[in-house]
Amino acid sequence: MLIILSKSATSETVQIAEHLAKKGENVAILHVQDACVAVTIKEYCDKLERSKIHVYSLKADLEARGLRNKTGKNVRLIDYKQWVELLMEEHDKIVSWTS
């Protein structure tokens, strides 16, 4: 399952993702727009990594906010083409979370 966050990451979002990962679901979170700020918070990134959740962020959105060099070590920066690949080739379920 690919969860796409476009606003601030909430504890509810993380709890749902963790629950799914514990049940054996392949879970990834893609941070775009304002949600990319979350991938600069070490505790947030570490928590997702411990839960075996793949963490992505759109490189263009990080660059637009001057945050590209401040991301967690386990965050994979992707471009638009790679975003499409995540959607079309790697995940069969997509959730877009906007609140």
N, C-alpha and C. Protein backbone atom coordinates (compact mmCIF):
# COMPACT_ATOMS: atom_id res chain seq x y z
N MET A 1 0.83 -1.17 0.00
CA MET A 1 0.00 0.00 0.00
C MET A 1 0.89 1.24 0.00
N LEU A 2 0.57 2.16 -0.88
CA LEU A 2 1.26 3.44 -0.93
C LEU A 2 0.33 4.50 -0.35
N ILE A 3 0.79 5.15 0.71
CA ILE A 3 0.06 6.26 1.31
C ILE A 3 0.72 7.54 0.84
N ILE A 4 -0.05 8.41 0.22
CA ILE A 4 0.48 9.68 -0.27
C ILE A 4 0.00 10.78 0.68
N LEU A 5 0.94 11.44 1.32
CA LEU A 5 0.62 12.55 2.23
C LEU A 5 0.96 13.86 1.56
N SER A 6 0.01 14.80 1.59
CA SER A 6 0.28 16.11 0.99
C SER A 6 0.23 17.23 2.03
N LYS A 7 -0.25 16.92 3.21
CA LYS A 7 -0.24 17.89 4.32
C LYS A 7 0.52 17.27 5.47
N SER A 8 0.55 17.91 6.59
CA SER A 8 1.32 17.42 7.72
C SER A 8 1.01 15.98 8.07
N ALA A 9 2.04 15.23 8.36
CA ALA A 9 1.87 13.86 8.82
C ALA A 9 1.32 13.90 10.23
N THR A 10 0.30 13.08 10.49
CA THR A 10 -0.31 13.04 11.81
C THR A 10 0.00 11.72 12.49
N SER A 11 -0.17 11.69 13.81
CA SER A 11 0.06 10.44 14.53
C SER A 11 -0.94 9.38 14.08
N GLU A 12 -2.15 9.80 13.68
CA GLU A 12 -3.15 8.85 13.20
C GLU A 12 -2.67 8.16 11.92
N THR A 13 -2.08 8.91 11.02
CA THR A 13 -1.56 8.35 9.79
C THR A 13 -0.49 7.32 10.08
N VAL A 14 0.42 7.66 10.96
CA VAL A 14 1.51 6.76 11.32
C VAL A 14 0.97 5.51 11.99
N GLN A 15 -0.01 5.66 12.87
CA GLN A 15 -0.59 4.50 13.55
C GLN A 15 -1.24 3.54 12.56
N ILE A 16 -1.95 4.08 11.60
CA ILE A 16 -2.59 3.24 10.59
C ILE A 16 -1.53 2.51 9.76
N ALA A 17 -0.50 3.24 9.35
CA ALA A 17 0.58 2.63 8.57
C ALA A 17 1.28 1.55 9.37
N GLU A 18 1.56 1.81 10.65
CA GLU A 18 2.21 0.81 11.50
C GLU A 18 1.34 -0.43 11.66
N HIS A 19 0.06 -0.23 11.86
CA HIS A 19 -0.88 -1.35 12.00
C HIS A 19 -0.86 -2.23 10.75
N LEU A 20 -0.91 -1.60 9.59
CA LEU A 20 -0.89 -2.35 8.34
C LEU A 20 0.43 -3.10 8.16
N ALA A 21 1.54 -2.45 8.50
CA ALA A 21 2.85 -3.09 8.37
C ALA A 21 2.96 -4.29 9.30
N LYS A 22 2.41 -4.19 10.52
CA LYS A 22 2.44 -5.31 11.46
C LYS A 22 1.64 -6.49 10.94
N LYS A 23 0.62 -6.22 10.15
CA LYS A 23 -0.20 -7.28 9.58
C LYS A 23 0.44 -7.89 8.33
N GLY A 24 1.62 -7.42 7.96
CA GLY A 24 2.33 -7.99 6.83
C GLY A 24 2.17 -7.23 5.52
N GLU A 25 1.45 -6.12 5.56
CA GLU A 25 1.26 -5.31 4.35
C GLU A 25 2.57 -4.59 4.01
N ASN A 26 2.91 -4.54 2.74
CA ASN A 26 4.05 -3.76 2.27
C ASN A 26 3.60 -2.30 2.22
N VAL A 27 4.05 -1.50 3.18
CA VAL A 27 3.58 -0.12 3.34
C VAL A 27 4.68 0.87 3.00
N ALA A 28 4.31 1.88 2.23
CA ALA A 28 5.22 2.98 1.92
C ALA A 28 4.45 4.28 2.08
N ILE A 29 5.16 5.31 2.51
CA ILE A 29 4.55 6.64 2.61
C ILE A 29 5.35 7.58 1.73
N LEU A 30 4.64 8.23 0.81
CA LEU A 30 5.23 9.25 -0.05
C LEU A 30 4.82 10.62 0.47
N HIS A 31 5.79 11.44 0.79
CA HIS A 31 5.55 12.79 1.32
C HIS A 31 5.71 13.79 0.19
N VAL A 32 4.64 14.53 -0.09
CA VAL A 32 4.66 15.56 -1.13
C VAL A 32 4.14 16.87 -0.53
N GLN A 33 4.35 17.95 -1.23
CA GLN A 33 3.90 19.28 -0.82
C GLN A 33 4.33 19.55 0.62
N ASP A 34 3.44 20.01 1.49
CA ASP A 34 3.82 20.37 2.85
C ASP A 34 4.19 19.17 3.73
N ALA A 35 3.76 17.99 3.36
CA ALA A 35 4.08 16.80 4.15
C ALA A 35 5.57 16.47 4.11
N CYS A 36 6.29 17.00 3.12
CA CYS A 36 7.71 16.67 3.04
C CYS A 36 8.50 17.24 4.22
N VAL A 37 7.94 18.18 4.94
CA VAL A 37 8.61 18.72 6.13
C VAL A 37 8.82 17.61 7.16
N ALA A 38 7.90 16.65 7.22
CA ALA A 38 7.99 15.57 8.21
C ALA A 38 9.26 14.75 8.07
N VAL A 39 9.76 14.59 6.85
CA VAL A 39 10.94 13.74 6.64
C VAL A 39 12.23 14.40 7.11
N THR A 40 12.14 15.60 7.65
CA THR A 40 13.31 16.26 8.25
C THR A 40 13.36 16.03 9.76
N ILE A 41 12.36 15.35 10.30
CA ILE A 41 12.28 15.09 11.74
C ILE A 41 12.81 13.69 12.02
N LYS A 42 13.94 13.62 12.70
CA LYS A 42 14.63 12.35 12.93
C LYS A 42 13.73 11.32 13.63
N GLU A 43 13.03 11.73 14.67
CA GLU A 43 12.19 10.79 15.43
C GLU A 43 11.11 10.18 14.54
N TYR A 44 10.53 10.99 13.68
CA TYR A 44 9.49 10.53 12.77
C TYR A 44 10.05 9.48 11.80
N CYS A 45 11.18 9.79 11.19
CA CYS A 45 11.80 8.87 10.23
C CYS A 45 12.24 7.58 10.92
N ASP A 46 12.80 7.69 12.12
CA ASP A 46 13.24 6.50 12.85
C ASP A 46 12.06 5.60 13.19
N LYS A 47 10.95 6.19 13.57
CA LYS A 47 9.76 5.42 13.92
C LYS A 47 9.26 4.63 12.71
N LEU A 48 9.22 5.28 11.56
CA LEU A 48 8.77 4.59 10.35
C LEU A 48 9.74 3.48 9.96
N GLU A 49 11.02 3.73 10.10
CA GLU A 49 12.02 2.72 9.76
C GLU A 49 11.88 1.50 10.68
N ARG A 50 11.69 1.73 11.98
CA ARG A 50 11.51 0.62 12.92
C ARG A 50 10.27 -0.20 12.58
N SER A 51 9.27 0.45 12.01
CA SER A 51 8.03 -0.24 11.65
C SER A 51 8.09 -0.87 10.26
N LYS A 52 9.26 -0.81 9.63
CA LYS A 52 9.46 -1.40 8.29
C LYS A 52 8.58 -0.73 7.23
N ILE A 53 8.39 0.58 7.39
CA ILE A 53 7.62 1.37 6.43
C ILE A 53 8.61 2.10 5.53
N HIS A 54 8.46 1.95 4.23
CA HIS A 54 9.34 2.62 3.28
C HIS A 54 8.95 4.11 3.22
N VAL A 55 9.96 4.97 3.24
CA VAL A 55 9.71 6.41 3.29
C VAL A 55 10.26 7.07 2.03
N TYR A 56 9.38 7.79 1.34
CA TYR A 56 9.74 8.51 0.13
C TYR A 56 9.35 9.97 0.28
N SER A 57 10.04 10.83 -0.45
CA SER A 57 9.65 12.23 -0.53
C SER A 57 9.95 12.74 -1.94
N LEU A 58 9.09 13.61 -2.41
CA LEU A 58 9.28 14.18 -3.73
C LEU A 58 10.39 15.23 -3.67
N LYS A 59 11.44 14.97 -4.42
CA LYS A 59 12.63 15.82 -4.41
C LYS A 59 12.31 17.28 -4.74
N ALA A 60 11.45 17.50 -5.71
CA ALA A 60 11.10 18.87 -6.12
C ALA A 60 10.45 19.65 -4.99
N ASP A 61 9.61 19.00 -4.20
CA ASP A 61 8.95 19.68 -3.08
C ASP A 61 9.93 19.99 -1.96
N LEU A 62 10.87 19.09 -1.72
CA LEU A 62 11.90 19.37 -0.71
C LEU A 62 12.78 20.54 -1.15
N GLU A 63 13.17 20.54 -2.43
CA GLU A 63 14.01 21.62 -2.94
C GLU A 63 13.28 22.95 -2.88
N ALA A 64 12.00 22.96 -3.19
CA ALA A 64 11.22 24.20 -3.17
C ALA A 64 11.16 24.80 -1.77
N ARG A 65 11.31 23.96 -0.75
CA ARG A 65 11.24 24.41 0.64
C ARG A 65 12.63 24.52 1.28
N GLY A 66 13.66 24.29 0.49
CA GLY A 66 15.03 24.38 1.01
C GLY A 66 15.37 23.29 2.00
N LEU A 67 14.76 22.10 1.84
CA LEU A 67 14.93 21.03 2.82
C LEU A 67 15.65 19.79 2.28
N ARG A 68 16.12 19.85 1.07
CA ARG A 68 16.68 18.64 0.45
C ARG A 68 17.80 18.02 1.26
N ASN A 69 18.65 18.81 1.85
CA ASN A 69 19.80 18.29 2.59
C ASN A 69 19.50 18.04 4.07
N LYS A 70 18.24 18.11 4.46
CA LYS A 70 17.88 17.94 5.86
C LYS A 70 17.03 16.70 6.12
N THR A 71 16.93 15.82 5.14
CA THR A 71 16.07 14.66 5.29
C THR A 71 16.76 13.54 6.08
N GLY A 72 15.93 12.66 6.62
CA GLY A 72 16.44 11.51 7.34
C GLY A 72 17.22 10.58 6.42
N LYS A 73 18.10 9.80 7.00
CA LYS A 73 18.97 8.92 6.21
C LYS A 73 18.22 7.81 5.48
N ASN A 74 17.06 7.45 5.97
CA ASN A 74 16.30 6.36 5.35
C ASN A 74 15.24 6.85 4.37
N VAL A 75 15.24 8.14 4.06
CA VAL A 75 14.25 8.72 3.14
C VAL A 75 14.78 8.64 1.72
N ARG A 76 13.99 8.05 0.85
CA ARG A 76 14.38 7.97 -0.56
C ARG A 76 13.75 9.14 -1.31
N LEU A 77 14.59 9.97 -1.91
CA LEU A 77 14.11 11.12 -2.68
C LEU A 77 13.81 10.66 -4.10
N ILE A 78 12.62 11.01 -4.58
CA ILE A 78 12.20 10.56 -5.90
C ILE A 78 11.75 11.74 -6.75
N ASP A 79 11.74 11.52 -8.05
CA ASP A 79 11.23 12.53 -8.98
C ASP A 79 9.84 12.09 -9.46
N TYR A 80 9.24 12.84 -10.37
CA TYR A 80 7.89 12.54 -10.83
C TYR A 80 7.79 11.20 -11.55
N LYS A 81 8.81 10.87 -12.33
CA LYS A 81 8.81 9.60 -13.04
C LYS A 81 8.81 8.44 -12.05
N GLN A 82 9.62 8.55 -11.01
CA GLN A 82 9.67 7.50 -10.00
C GLN A 82 8.36 7.41 -9.21
N TRP A 83 7.68 8.54 -9.04
CA TRP A 83 6.38 8.55 -8.39
C TRP A 83 5.40 7.70 -9.21
N VAL A 84 5.39 7.89 -10.51
CA VAL A 84 4.51 7.11 -11.38
C VAL A 84 4.87 5.62 -11.28
N GLU A 85 6.15 5.31 -11.21
CA GLU A 85 6.57 3.92 -11.07
C GLU A 85 6.05 3.31 -9.77
N LEU A 86 6.10 4.09 -8.69
CA LEU A 86 5.54 3.61 -7.42
C LEU A 86 4.06 3.28 -7.57
N LEU A 87 3.35 4.15 -8.25
CA LEU A 87 1.91 3.96 -8.44
C LEU A 87 1.59 2.78 -9.34
N MET A 88 2.31 2.67 -10.43
CA MET A 88 1.95 1.70 -11.46
C MET A 88 2.60 0.32 -11.29
N GLU A 89 3.76 0.27 -10.66
CA GLU A 89 4.51 -0.98 -10.66
C GLU A 89 4.73 -1.60 -9.27
N GLU A 90 4.75 -0.79 -8.24
CA GLU A 90 5.15 -1.33 -6.95
C GLU A 90 4.03 -1.52 -5.94
N HIS A 91 2.92 -0.82 -6.11
CA HIS A 91 1.84 -0.89 -5.11
C HIS A 91 0.50 -1.11 -5.78
N ASP A 92 -0.26 -2.03 -5.21
CA ASP A 92 -1.58 -2.31 -5.77
C ASP A 92 -2.68 -1.53 -5.08
N LYS A 93 -2.38 -0.92 -3.94
CA LYS A 93 -3.36 -0.09 -3.23
C LYS A 93 -2.74 1.29 -3.00
N ILE A 94 -3.54 2.31 -3.27
CA ILE A 94 -3.08 3.70 -3.13
C ILE A 94 -4.08 4.45 -2.25
N VAL A 95 -3.56 5.17 -1.26
CA VAL A 95 -4.39 6.02 -0.41
C VAL A 95 -3.80 7.41 -0.44
N SER A 96 -4.61 8.39 -0.78
CA SER A 96 -4.15 9.79 -0.78
C SER A 96 -4.75 10.45 0.46
N TRP A 97 -3.87 10.87 1.36
CA TRP A 97 -4.28 11.43 2.65
C TRP A 97 -4.02 12.93 2.61
N THR A 98 -5.07 13.72 2.71
CA THR A 98 -4.93 15.17 2.56
C THR A 98 -5.22 15.96 3.82
N SER A 99 -5.50 15.30 4.92
CA SER A 99 -5.77 16.08 6.14
C SER A 99 -4.96 15.58 7.30
